[in-house]
N, C-alpha and C. Protein backbone atom coordinates (compact mmCIF):
# COMPACT_ATOMS: atom_id res chain seq x y z
N MET A 1 50.19 -48.34 -32.47
CA MET A 1 50.26 -48.81 -32.67
C MET A 1 50.90 -48.70 -33.20
N PHE A 2 53.81 -48.33 -32.62
CA PHE A 2 54.17 -48.91 -33.30
C PHE A 2 55.56 -47.72 -33.40
N GLY A 3 58.90 -45.89 -34.71
CA GLY A 3 59.78 -44.78 -34.39
C GLY A 3 59.59 -43.67 -35.36
N GLY A 4 60.65 -42.97 -35.61
CA GLY A 4 60.59 -41.85 -36.51
C GLY A 4 60.31 -42.26 -37.94
N ASP A 5 60.58 -43.53 -38.31
CA ASP A 5 60.32 -44.02 -39.65
C ASP A 5 58.91 -44.56 -39.74
N ALA A 6 58.06 -43.86 -40.49
CA ALA A 6 56.69 -44.32 -40.73
C ALA A 6 56.03 -44.82 -39.47
N SER A 7 56.23 -44.09 -38.35
CA SER A 7 55.66 -44.64 -37.13
C SER A 7 55.13 -43.60 -36.20
N SER A 8 55.49 -42.36 -36.36
CA SER A 8 55.07 -41.38 -35.39
C SER A 8 54.13 -40.38 -36.03
N SER A 9 54.66 -39.24 -36.52
CA SER A 9 53.76 -38.26 -37.11
C SER A 9 53.05 -38.84 -38.31
N GLU A 10 53.69 -39.77 -39.05
CA GLU A 10 53.05 -40.38 -40.19
C GLU A 10 51.92 -41.30 -39.77
N THR A 11 51.98 -41.81 -38.56
CA THR A 11 51.05 -42.81 -38.10
C THR A 11 49.69 -42.22 -37.77
N GLN A 12 49.65 -40.94 -37.44
CA GLN A 12 48.47 -40.45 -36.78
C GLN A 12 47.91 -39.17 -37.41
N ARG A 13 46.68 -39.24 -37.89
CA ARG A 13 45.90 -38.07 -38.25
C ARG A 13 44.45 -38.50 -38.08
N ALA A 14 43.79 -38.05 -37.02
CA ALA A 14 42.55 -38.70 -36.63
C ALA A 14 41.31 -37.94 -37.05
N SER A 15 40.24 -38.71 -37.27
CA SER A 15 38.89 -38.19 -37.37
C SER A 15 37.97 -39.37 -37.20
N SER A 16 36.77 -39.13 -36.68
CA SER A 16 35.82 -40.22 -36.50
C SER A 16 34.79 -40.15 -37.62
N SER A 17 34.29 -41.30 -38.02
CA SER A 17 33.30 -41.34 -39.08
C SER A 17 32.54 -42.64 -38.99
N GLY A 18 31.47 -42.75 -39.76
CA GLY A 18 30.77 -43.99 -39.85
C GLY A 18 31.50 -44.93 -40.78
N ALA A 19 30.87 -46.07 -41.06
CA ALA A 19 31.51 -47.06 -41.90
C ALA A 19 31.73 -46.49 -43.29
N PRO A 20 32.94 -46.55 -43.81
CA PRO A 20 33.22 -46.00 -45.12
C PRO A 20 32.79 -46.97 -46.20
N PRO A 21 32.68 -46.51 -47.45
CA PRO A 21 32.42 -47.44 -48.53
C PRO A 21 33.62 -48.35 -48.72
N GLU A 22 33.42 -49.44 -49.45
CA GLU A 22 34.52 -50.35 -49.74
C GLU A 22 35.65 -49.56 -50.41
N PRO A 23 36.83 -49.53 -49.83
CA PRO A 23 37.91 -48.73 -50.39
C PRO A 23 38.58 -49.41 -51.57
N ASP A 24 39.20 -48.62 -52.42
CA ASP A 24 40.06 -49.16 -53.45
C ASP A 24 41.33 -49.65 -52.80
N ALA A 25 42.15 -50.40 -53.57
CA ALA A 25 43.44 -50.83 -53.05
C ALA A 25 44.28 -49.61 -52.71
N PRO A 26 44.94 -49.59 -51.54
CA PRO A 26 45.70 -48.41 -51.12
C PRO A 26 46.96 -48.22 -51.91
N ARG A 27 47.45 -46.98 -51.92
CA ARG A 27 48.76 -46.72 -52.49
C ARG A 27 49.79 -47.54 -51.74
N GLY A 28 50.76 -48.07 -52.44
CA GLY A 28 51.80 -48.84 -51.81
C GLY A 28 51.42 -50.30 -51.60
N SER A 29 50.20 -50.68 -52.00
CA SER A 29 49.77 -52.07 -51.88
C SER A 29 49.27 -52.53 -53.23
N SER A 30 49.64 -53.72 -53.64
CA SER A 30 49.34 -54.15 -54.99
C SER A 30 47.87 -54.46 -55.19
N SER A 31 47.21 -55.09 -54.21
CA SER A 31 45.83 -55.49 -54.45
C SER A 31 44.96 -55.53 -53.21
N ALA A 32 45.53 -55.53 -52.04
CA ALA A 32 44.76 -55.79 -50.82
C ALA A 32 43.82 -54.65 -50.50
N GLU A 33 42.60 -55.01 -50.06
CA GLU A 33 41.65 -54.02 -49.56
C GLU A 33 41.53 -54.10 -48.05
N ARG A 34 41.97 -55.19 -47.46
CA ARG A 34 41.89 -55.36 -46.02
C ARG A 34 43.20 -55.92 -45.48
N ILE A 35 43.48 -55.57 -44.23
CA ILE A 35 44.52 -56.24 -43.46
C ILE A 35 43.82 -56.79 -42.24
N GLY A 36 43.74 -58.11 -42.13
CA GLY A 36 42.88 -58.69 -41.12
C GLY A 36 41.44 -58.28 -41.38
N ARG A 37 40.76 -57.80 -40.36
CA ARG A 37 39.38 -57.35 -40.54
C ARG A 37 39.30 -55.88 -40.95
N HIS A 38 40.44 -55.21 -41.05
CA HIS A 38 40.47 -53.76 -41.20
C HIS A 38 40.47 -53.33 -42.67
N TYR A 39 39.61 -52.38 -43.00
CA TYR A 39 39.61 -51.80 -44.33
C TYR A 39 40.75 -50.79 -44.46
N ILE A 40 41.47 -50.85 -45.56
CA ILE A 40 42.55 -49.91 -45.81
C ILE A 40 42.01 -48.74 -46.62
N LEU A 41 42.20 -47.52 -46.11
CA LEU A 41 41.67 -46.31 -46.74
C LEU A 41 42.73 -45.53 -47.48
N GLY A 42 43.99 -45.70 -47.14
CA GLY A 42 45.06 -44.95 -47.77
C GLY A 42 46.36 -45.13 -47.01
N VAL A 43 47.37 -44.43 -47.45
CA VAL A 43 48.69 -44.50 -46.82
C VAL A 43 48.96 -43.22 -46.05
N LEU A 44 49.35 -43.36 -44.78
CA LEU A 44 49.71 -42.20 -43.96
C LEU A 44 51.20 -41.90 -44.04
N GLY A 45 52.02 -42.92 -44.21
CA GLY A 45 53.46 -42.68 -44.24
C GLY A 45 54.20 -43.95 -44.60
N GLU A 46 55.45 -43.76 -44.99
CA GLU A 46 56.28 -44.90 -45.36
C GLU A 46 57.72 -44.59 -45.01
N GLY A 47 58.43 -45.56 -44.47
CA GLY A 47 59.82 -45.34 -44.09
C GLY A 47 60.53 -46.65 -43.86
N GLY A 48 61.66 -46.58 -43.16
CA GLY A 48 62.48 -47.76 -42.96
C GLY A 48 61.80 -48.85 -42.17
N MET A 49 60.83 -48.50 -41.30
CA MET A 49 60.15 -49.51 -40.49
C MET A 49 59.01 -50.17 -41.23
N GLY A 50 58.56 -49.59 -42.35
CA GLY A 50 57.46 -50.16 -43.08
C GLY A 50 56.49 -49.09 -43.55
N ILE A 51 55.24 -49.49 -43.75
CA ILE A 51 54.20 -48.60 -44.25
C ILE A 51 53.12 -48.45 -43.19
N VAL A 52 52.65 -47.22 -43.00
CA VAL A 52 51.55 -46.95 -42.07
C VAL A 52 50.31 -46.58 -42.87
N TYR A 53 49.24 -47.31 -42.64
CA TYR A 53 48.00 -47.11 -43.37
C TYR A 53 46.94 -46.43 -42.52
N ASP A 54 46.14 -45.61 -43.17
CA ASP A 54 44.88 -45.13 -42.61
C ASP A 54 43.87 -46.26 -42.81
N ALA A 55 43.17 -46.63 -41.75
CA ALA A 55 42.30 -47.81 -41.84
C ALA A 55 41.03 -47.61 -41.03
N TYR A 56 40.09 -48.51 -41.26
CA TYR A 56 38.81 -48.50 -40.55
C TYR A 56 38.55 -49.89 -39.99
N ASP A 57 38.20 -49.94 -38.70
CA ASP A 57 37.88 -51.20 -38.04
C ASP A 57 36.36 -51.33 -37.96
N PRO A 58 35.74 -52.21 -38.75
CA PRO A 58 34.28 -52.30 -38.76
C PRO A 58 33.70 -52.87 -37.47
N GLU A 59 34.45 -53.70 -36.76
CA GLU A 59 33.94 -54.28 -35.52
C GLU A 59 33.84 -53.23 -34.42
N LEU A 60 34.84 -52.35 -34.34
CA LEU A 60 34.86 -51.31 -33.31
C LEU A 60 34.32 -49.98 -33.82
N ASP A 61 34.02 -49.91 -35.12
CA ASP A 61 33.46 -48.71 -35.76
C ASP A 61 34.32 -47.49 -35.48
N ARG A 62 35.60 -47.57 -35.85
CA ARG A 62 36.47 -46.42 -35.65
C ARG A 62 37.64 -46.45 -36.63
N ARG A 63 38.17 -45.26 -36.86
CA ARG A 63 39.36 -45.11 -37.68
C ARG A 63 40.58 -45.47 -36.84
N ILE A 64 41.53 -46.14 -37.46
CA ILE A 64 42.75 -46.56 -36.78
C ILE A 64 43.94 -46.34 -37.71
N ALA A 65 45.12 -46.58 -37.20
CA ALA A 65 46.33 -46.62 -38.01
C ALA A 65 46.87 -48.05 -37.96
N ILE A 66 47.32 -48.55 -39.10
CA ILE A 66 47.92 -49.88 -39.16
C ILE A 66 49.33 -49.75 -39.70
N LYS A 67 50.28 -50.24 -38.94
CA LYS A 67 51.67 -50.26 -39.38
C LYS A 67 52.03 -51.68 -39.81
N VAL A 68 52.40 -51.84 -41.08
CA VAL A 68 52.90 -53.12 -41.57
C VAL A 68 54.41 -53.05 -41.51
N LEU A 69 55.00 -53.85 -40.64
CA LEU A 69 56.42 -53.75 -40.34
C LEU A 69 57.25 -54.50 -41.36
N SER A 70 58.33 -53.87 -41.77
CA SER A 70 59.19 -54.43 -42.80
C SER A 70 60.42 -55.05 -42.15
N ARG A 71 60.36 -56.35 -41.90
CA ARG A 71 61.50 -57.07 -41.34
C ARG A 71 62.51 -57.33 -42.45
N ARG A 72 63.72 -56.85 -42.28
CA ARG A 72 64.74 -56.97 -43.32
C ARG A 72 65.53 -58.26 -43.13
N GLY A 73 64.93 -59.36 -43.61
CA GLY A 73 65.61 -60.64 -43.49
C GLY A 73 65.26 -61.33 -42.18
N GLY A 74 65.80 -62.52 -41.98
CA GLY A 74 65.63 -63.23 -40.73
C GLY A 74 64.64 -64.37 -40.78
N GLY A 75 63.71 -64.37 -41.76
CA GLY A 75 62.83 -65.49 -41.92
C GLY A 75 61.75 -65.60 -40.86
N ALA A 76 61.19 -66.82 -40.75
CA ALA A 76 60.04 -67.05 -39.89
C ALA A 76 60.34 -66.83 -38.42
N ALA A 77 61.53 -67.21 -37.97
CA ALA A 77 61.87 -67.05 -36.55
C ALA A 77 61.89 -65.58 -36.15
N ALA A 78 62.49 -64.74 -36.99
CA ALA A 78 62.52 -63.31 -36.71
C ALA A 78 61.12 -62.73 -36.73
N ARG A 79 60.28 -63.20 -37.65
CA ARG A 79 58.91 -62.71 -37.72
C ARG A 79 58.14 -63.07 -36.45
N GLU A 80 58.36 -64.28 -35.93
CA GLU A 80 57.68 -64.69 -34.71
C GLU A 80 58.12 -63.84 -33.51
N ARG A 81 59.39 -63.49 -33.45
CA ARG A 81 59.86 -62.64 -32.35
C ARG A 81 59.26 -61.25 -32.45
N LEU A 82 59.17 -60.74 -33.68
CA LEU A 82 58.57 -59.42 -33.88
C LEU A 82 57.09 -59.44 -33.51
N LEU A 83 56.40 -60.51 -33.87
CA LEU A 83 54.99 -60.65 -33.52
C LEU A 83 54.82 -60.71 -32.01
N ALA A 84 55.70 -61.44 -31.32
CA ALA A 84 55.62 -61.52 -29.86
C ALA A 84 55.83 -60.17 -29.22
N GLU A 85 56.75 -59.36 -29.76
CA GLU A 85 56.98 -58.03 -29.21
C GLU A 85 55.76 -57.14 -29.42
N ALA A 86 55.14 -57.23 -30.60
CA ALA A 86 53.94 -56.46 -30.87
C ALA A 86 52.80 -56.87 -29.93
N GLN A 87 52.68 -58.16 -29.66
CA GLN A 87 51.66 -58.63 -28.72
C GLN A 87 51.92 -58.11 -27.31
N ALA A 88 53.19 -58.02 -26.93
CA ALA A 88 53.52 -57.46 -25.62
C ALA A 88 53.12 -56.00 -25.54
N MET A 89 53.29 -55.25 -26.65
CA MET A 89 52.87 -53.86 -26.69
C MET A 89 51.37 -53.74 -26.44
N ALA A 90 50.60 -54.68 -26.97
CA ALA A 90 49.15 -54.62 -26.85
C ALA A 90 48.69 -54.81 -25.41
N ARG A 91 49.53 -55.36 -24.55
CA ARG A 91 49.15 -55.57 -23.15
C ARG A 91 49.30 -54.32 -22.30
N VAL A 92 49.93 -53.28 -22.84
CA VAL A 92 50.16 -52.06 -22.08
C VAL A 92 48.97 -51.11 -22.27
N SER A 93 48.35 -50.72 -21.18
CA SER A 93 47.25 -49.76 -21.23
C SER A 93 47.56 -48.62 -20.26
N HIS A 94 47.84 -47.45 -20.81
CA HIS A 94 48.20 -46.29 -19.99
C HIS A 94 47.92 -45.02 -20.78
N PRO A 95 47.51 -43.93 -20.12
CA PRO A 95 47.21 -42.68 -20.83
C PRO A 95 48.38 -42.10 -21.61
N ASN A 96 49.61 -42.48 -21.26
CA ASN A 96 50.78 -41.93 -21.94
C ASN A 96 51.44 -42.94 -22.87
N VAL A 97 50.69 -43.96 -23.27
CA VAL A 97 51.17 -44.95 -24.24
C VAL A 97 50.13 -45.07 -25.35
N VAL A 98 50.57 -45.06 -26.60
CA VAL A 98 49.66 -45.27 -27.72
C VAL A 98 49.06 -46.66 -27.62
N GLN A 99 47.74 -46.73 -27.66
CA GLN A 99 47.05 -48.00 -27.48
C GLN A 99 47.14 -48.87 -28.72
N VAL A 100 47.54 -50.12 -28.53
CA VAL A 100 47.56 -51.11 -29.61
C VAL A 100 46.28 -51.93 -29.50
N TYR A 101 45.54 -52.03 -30.62
CA TYR A 101 44.27 -52.74 -30.62
C TYR A 101 44.38 -54.19 -31.10
N ASP A 102 45.28 -54.41 -32.04
CA ASP A 102 45.33 -55.71 -32.69
C ASP A 102 46.70 -55.91 -33.31
N VAL A 103 47.17 -57.14 -33.34
CA VAL A 103 48.41 -57.48 -34.04
C VAL A 103 48.18 -58.77 -34.80
N GLY A 104 48.97 -58.97 -35.84
CA GLY A 104 48.83 -60.18 -36.63
C GLY A 104 49.86 -60.21 -37.74
N THR A 105 49.66 -61.10 -38.68
CA THR A 105 50.56 -61.17 -39.84
C THR A 105 49.76 -60.96 -41.11
N TYR A 106 50.40 -60.33 -42.07
CA TYR A 106 49.80 -60.02 -43.36
C TYR A 106 50.88 -60.21 -44.42
N ARG A 107 50.64 -61.17 -45.32
CA ARG A 107 51.64 -61.47 -46.35
C ARG A 107 53.03 -61.69 -45.76
N ASP A 108 53.06 -62.47 -44.69
CA ASP A 108 54.31 -62.83 -44.01
C ASP A 108 54.99 -61.65 -43.32
N GLN A 109 54.27 -60.55 -43.13
CA GLN A 109 54.80 -59.41 -42.39
C GLN A 109 53.90 -59.14 -41.18
N VAL A 110 54.51 -58.68 -40.11
CA VAL A 110 53.76 -58.36 -38.90
C VAL A 110 53.08 -57.00 -39.06
N TYR A 111 51.82 -56.92 -38.63
CA TYR A 111 51.15 -55.62 -38.61
C TYR A 111 50.69 -55.31 -37.19
N VAL A 112 50.60 -54.00 -36.91
CA VAL A 112 50.14 -53.52 -35.62
C VAL A 112 49.03 -52.50 -35.88
N ALA A 113 47.83 -52.77 -35.36
CA ALA A 113 46.71 -51.84 -35.47
C ALA A 113 46.65 -51.03 -34.18
N MET A 114 46.63 -49.71 -34.30
CA MET A 114 46.75 -48.86 -33.12
C MET A 114 45.88 -47.61 -33.25
N GLU A 115 45.88 -46.84 -32.17
CA GLU A 115 45.18 -45.55 -32.18
C GLU A 115 45.68 -44.68 -33.32
N ARG A 116 44.77 -43.91 -33.87
CA ARG A 116 45.12 -42.91 -34.88
C ARG A 116 44.91 -41.54 -34.23
N LEU A 117 46.01 -40.84 -33.99
CA LEU A 117 45.98 -39.62 -33.19
C LEU A 117 46.25 -38.38 -34.04
N GLU A 118 45.69 -37.29 -33.59
CA GLU A 118 45.96 -35.99 -34.21
C GLU A 118 47.13 -35.35 -33.49
N GLY A 119 48.17 -34.99 -34.21
CA GLY A 119 49.30 -34.32 -33.59
C GLY A 119 50.63 -34.78 -34.14
N GLY A 120 51.69 -34.08 -33.76
CA GLY A 120 53.03 -34.41 -34.21
C GLY A 120 53.83 -35.11 -33.14
N THR A 121 55.13 -35.20 -33.38
CA THR A 121 56.00 -35.88 -32.43
C THR A 121 56.55 -34.91 -31.40
N LEU A 122 57.08 -35.47 -30.32
CA LEU A 122 57.75 -34.65 -29.31
C LEU A 122 58.95 -33.96 -29.92
N GLY A 123 59.63 -34.62 -30.85
CA GLY A 123 60.77 -34.00 -31.52
C GLY A 123 60.36 -32.75 -32.27
N GLU A 124 59.24 -32.80 -32.97
CA GLU A 124 58.73 -31.63 -33.68
C GLU A 124 58.35 -30.53 -32.70
N TRP A 125 57.75 -30.91 -31.59
CA TRP A 125 57.35 -29.94 -30.58
C TRP A 125 58.57 -29.25 -29.99
N LEU A 126 59.63 -30.01 -29.71
CA LEU A 126 60.85 -29.44 -29.13
C LEU A 126 61.54 -28.47 -30.08
N ALA A 127 61.33 -28.63 -31.38
CA ALA A 127 61.98 -27.77 -32.36
C ALA A 127 61.36 -26.37 -32.43
N ARG A 128 60.23 -26.19 -31.79
CA ARG A 128 59.61 -24.87 -31.79
C ARG A 128 60.43 -23.88 -30.97
N ALA A 129 60.41 -22.64 -31.39
CA ALA A 129 61.24 -21.62 -30.73
C ALA A 129 60.68 -21.19 -29.38
N ASP A 130 59.37 -21.38 -29.17
CA ASP A 130 58.74 -20.84 -27.96
C ASP A 130 58.54 -21.89 -26.87
N VAL A 131 59.30 -22.97 -26.91
CA VAL A 131 59.14 -24.04 -25.93
C VAL A 131 59.68 -23.59 -24.58
N ASP A 132 58.88 -23.79 -23.53
CA ASP A 132 59.26 -23.42 -22.18
C ASP A 132 59.92 -24.61 -21.47
N ALA A 133 60.97 -24.35 -20.70
CA ALA A 133 61.70 -25.43 -20.03
C ALA A 133 60.80 -26.22 -19.10
N ARG A 134 59.90 -25.54 -18.40
CA ARG A 134 59.00 -26.25 -17.49
C ARG A 134 58.06 -27.18 -18.24
N ALA A 135 57.63 -26.73 -19.42
CA ALA A 135 56.75 -27.57 -20.24
C ALA A 135 57.49 -28.80 -20.73
N ILE A 136 58.77 -28.63 -21.07
CA ILE A 136 59.59 -29.77 -21.51
C ILE A 136 59.68 -30.81 -20.39
N ILE A 137 59.98 -30.34 -19.18
CA ILE A 137 60.10 -31.25 -18.04
C ILE A 137 58.79 -31.98 -17.80
N LYS A 138 57.68 -31.26 -17.90
CA LYS A 138 56.37 -31.86 -17.67
C LYS A 138 56.08 -32.96 -18.68
N LEU A 139 56.37 -32.69 -19.96
CA LEU A 139 56.09 -33.68 -20.99
C LEU A 139 56.95 -34.93 -20.83
N PHE A 140 58.24 -34.72 -20.52
CA PHE A 140 59.11 -35.88 -20.35
C PHE A 140 58.72 -36.69 -19.11
N ALA A 141 58.25 -36.01 -18.07
CA ALA A 141 57.78 -36.72 -16.88
C ALA A 141 56.56 -37.58 -17.21
N GLN A 142 55.65 -37.04 -18.01
CA GLN A 142 54.47 -37.80 -18.40
C GLN A 142 54.86 -38.99 -19.27
N ALA A 143 55.77 -38.76 -20.22
CA ALA A 143 56.25 -39.87 -21.05
C ALA A 143 56.91 -40.93 -20.18
N GLY A 144 57.64 -40.48 -19.16
CA GLY A 144 58.28 -41.41 -18.24
C GLY A 144 57.28 -42.29 -17.51
N ARG A 145 56.10 -41.73 -17.21
CA ARG A 145 55.06 -42.54 -16.56
C ARG A 145 54.57 -43.64 -17.51
N GLY A 146 54.50 -43.31 -18.79
CA GLY A 146 54.14 -44.33 -19.77
C GLY A 146 55.19 -45.43 -19.85
N LEU A 147 56.46 -45.04 -19.84
CA LEU A 147 57.54 -46.03 -19.85
C LEU A 147 57.49 -46.90 -18.60
N ALA A 148 57.23 -46.27 -17.45
CA ALA A 148 57.17 -47.03 -16.20
C ALA A 148 56.03 -48.05 -16.22
N ALA A 149 54.90 -47.66 -16.81
CA ALA A 149 53.78 -48.60 -16.92
C ALA A 149 54.15 -49.80 -17.78
N ALA A 150 54.88 -49.53 -18.86
CA ALA A 150 55.34 -50.63 -19.72
C ALA A 150 56.34 -51.51 -18.98
N HIS A 151 57.27 -50.87 -18.26
CA HIS A 151 58.27 -51.63 -17.51
C HIS A 151 57.60 -52.54 -16.47
N ALA A 152 56.49 -52.08 -15.92
CA ALA A 152 55.79 -52.87 -14.91
C ALA A 152 55.24 -54.17 -15.48
N THR A 153 55.03 -54.22 -16.80
CA THR A 153 54.56 -55.45 -17.45
C THR A 153 55.73 -56.28 -17.96
N GLY A 154 56.97 -55.79 -17.76
CA GLY A 154 58.14 -56.50 -18.25
C GLY A 154 58.59 -56.07 -19.63
N LEU A 155 58.02 -54.98 -20.16
CA LEU A 155 58.34 -54.52 -21.51
C LEU A 155 59.28 -53.33 -21.46
N VAL A 156 60.44 -53.43 -22.09
CA VAL A 156 61.44 -52.36 -22.13
C VAL A 156 61.41 -51.73 -23.52
N HIS A 157 61.44 -50.39 -23.57
CA HIS A 157 61.29 -49.72 -24.85
C HIS A 157 62.45 -49.99 -25.80
N GLN A 158 63.66 -49.81 -25.36
CA GLN A 158 64.89 -50.05 -26.12
C GLN A 158 65.21 -48.99 -27.18
N ASP A 159 64.27 -48.10 -27.48
CA ASP A 159 64.55 -47.08 -28.50
C ASP A 159 63.81 -45.78 -28.18
N PHE A 160 63.81 -45.38 -26.91
CA PHE A 160 63.08 -44.17 -26.52
C PHE A 160 63.80 -42.93 -27.01
N LYS A 161 63.08 -42.06 -27.71
CA LYS A 161 63.60 -40.81 -28.24
C LYS A 161 62.40 -39.92 -28.57
N PRO A 162 62.61 -38.61 -28.76
CA PRO A 162 61.48 -37.71 -29.02
C PRO A 162 60.62 -38.10 -30.21
N ASP A 163 61.23 -38.71 -31.24
CA ASP A 163 60.44 -39.10 -32.41
C ASP A 163 59.57 -40.32 -32.15
N ASN A 164 59.76 -40.98 -31.01
CA ASN A 164 58.91 -42.11 -30.63
C ASN A 164 57.90 -41.71 -29.57
N VAL A 165 57.64 -40.41 -29.46
CA VAL A 165 56.61 -39.89 -28.56
C VAL A 165 55.72 -38.96 -29.37
N LEU A 166 54.43 -39.23 -29.38
CA LEU A 166 53.48 -38.36 -30.05
C LEU A 166 52.85 -37.41 -29.05
N ILE A 167 52.57 -36.20 -29.50
CA ILE A 167 51.80 -35.25 -28.70
C ILE A 167 50.40 -35.20 -29.28
N ASP A 168 49.40 -35.67 -28.53
CA ASP A 168 48.06 -35.74 -29.09
C ASP A 168 47.39 -34.37 -29.09
N SER A 169 46.14 -34.32 -29.55
CA SER A 169 45.46 -33.04 -29.71
C SER A 169 45.22 -32.32 -28.40
N SER A 170 45.27 -33.04 -27.28
CA SER A 170 45.09 -32.42 -25.97
C SER A 170 46.42 -31.99 -25.35
N GLY A 171 47.54 -32.26 -26.04
CA GLY A 171 48.85 -31.91 -25.52
C GLY A 171 49.49 -32.98 -24.67
N ARG A 172 48.90 -34.15 -24.65
CA ARG A 172 49.42 -35.25 -23.82
C ARG A 172 50.42 -36.10 -24.62
N PRO A 173 51.59 -36.39 -24.05
CA PRO A 173 52.57 -37.23 -24.75
C PRO A 173 52.16 -38.70 -24.70
N ARG A 174 52.38 -39.40 -25.81
CA ARG A 174 52.03 -40.81 -25.92
C ARG A 174 53.21 -41.56 -26.52
N VAL A 175 53.76 -42.51 -25.79
CA VAL A 175 54.92 -43.27 -26.23
C VAL A 175 54.46 -44.41 -27.14
N LEU A 176 55.26 -44.70 -28.18
CA LEU A 176 54.94 -45.81 -29.07
C LEU A 176 56.21 -46.54 -29.49
N ASP A 177 56.03 -47.65 -30.20
CA ASP A 177 57.11 -48.44 -30.81
C ASP A 177 58.07 -49.05 -29.80
N PHE A 178 57.54 -49.75 -28.82
CA PHE A 178 58.39 -50.40 -27.82
C PHE A 178 59.20 -51.53 -28.44
N GLY A 179 60.50 -51.31 -28.58
CA GLY A 179 61.40 -52.37 -29.00
C GLY A 179 61.33 -52.73 -30.46
N ILE A 180 60.34 -52.23 -31.20
CA ILE A 180 60.13 -52.67 -32.57
C ILE A 180 61.28 -52.26 -33.48
N ALA A 181 61.72 -51.02 -33.39
CA ALA A 181 62.76 -50.54 -34.30
C ALA A 181 64.04 -51.35 -34.15
N ARG A 182 64.43 -51.65 -32.91
CA ARG A 182 65.64 -52.43 -32.69
C ARG A 182 65.51 -53.84 -33.24
N LEU A 183 64.33 -54.44 -33.08
CA LEU A 183 64.13 -55.79 -33.59
C LEU A 183 64.18 -55.83 -35.11
N LEU A 184 63.67 -54.79 -35.75
CA LEU A 184 63.67 -54.75 -37.21
C LEU A 184 65.09 -54.72 -37.77
N ASP A 185 65.99 -54.05 -37.07
CA ASP A 185 67.35 -53.88 -37.57
C ASP A 185 68.34 -54.89 -37.02
N ALA A 186 67.95 -55.64 -35.98
CA ALA A 186 68.91 -56.51 -35.31
C ALA A 186 69.27 -57.70 -36.19
N PRO A 187 70.55 -58.15 -36.14
CA PRO A 187 70.92 -59.40 -36.80
C PRO A 187 70.12 -60.55 -36.23
N GLU A 188 70.03 -61.63 -36.98
CA GLU A 188 69.20 -62.77 -36.58
C GLU A 188 69.52 -63.25 -35.17
N GLU A 189 70.80 -63.37 -34.83
CA GLU A 189 71.15 -63.93 -33.53
C GLU A 189 70.91 -62.96 -32.39
N ARG A 190 70.66 -61.66 -32.70
CA ARG A 190 70.45 -60.68 -31.65
C ARG A 190 69.03 -60.15 -31.65
N ALA A 191 68.15 -60.71 -32.45
CA ALA A 191 66.82 -60.14 -32.63
C ALA A 191 65.81 -60.65 -31.61
N ARG A 192 66.29 -61.01 -30.43
CA ARG A 192 65.41 -61.51 -29.39
C ARG A 192 64.75 -60.34 -28.65
N PRO A 193 63.40 -60.33 -28.48
CA PRO A 193 62.72 -59.23 -27.79
C PRO A 193 62.97 -59.27 -26.29
N ARG A 194 64.04 -58.64 -25.86
CA ARG A 194 64.45 -58.69 -24.46
C ARG A 194 63.41 -58.13 -23.52
N GLY A 195 62.55 -57.20 -24.00
CA GLY A 195 61.62 -56.56 -23.09
C GLY A 195 60.29 -57.27 -22.94
N ARG A 196 60.13 -58.46 -23.50
CA ARG A 196 58.84 -59.11 -23.49
C ARG A 196 58.48 -59.60 -22.10
N GLY A 197 57.24 -59.34 -21.67
CA GLY A 197 56.78 -59.85 -20.39
C GLY A 197 56.62 -61.36 -20.43
N ARG A 198 56.61 -62.01 -19.30
CA ARG A 198 56.51 -63.46 -19.25
C ARG A 198 55.24 -63.88 -18.54
N GLY A 199 54.76 -65.05 -18.96
CA GLY A 199 53.64 -65.66 -18.26
C GLY A 199 52.30 -65.01 -18.50
N ARG A 200 52.19 -64.29 -19.65
CA ARG A 200 50.90 -63.66 -19.91
C ARG A 200 50.47 -63.99 -21.33
């Protein structure tokens, strides 16, 4: 649920638990205890794309990550386009794509609730000295299957790079942040989500 800025390794550190006690207001937030129905437990990361929170979903009884996206200008129209792109992400279900559970707006900013995974980014994995060429090819092929599944719904990533791929605890690559980074930085007249599927 959501690039290298507060979106990949910062987004994910997983553990399962029962319902937590009512949390205090998270770091980086002035007063909020919830975003939508989700309890905020703390901050996982912060960067140019916004803030990623550790959160708990009481309806689904699981820990999640919530990314509150920081749109730099553009007003309501830009926010609506960003929300539409996040909703398109939620329609993609594939083993090599980070699952998006919920999207919405919070204090006039778009948020994306997504899987909270254990592991780092593909970029971090590639930086290791003992990486085997065959393993690299295998991981990129798996990530490509995730991209193909998204393309089949009409969604184009627009910002695919190693820092937008997470390696989960089982070693499986998971693609995230379809089109979001480009929309956040695009000028108002160019901030249209070109990869959005139609008729759904």
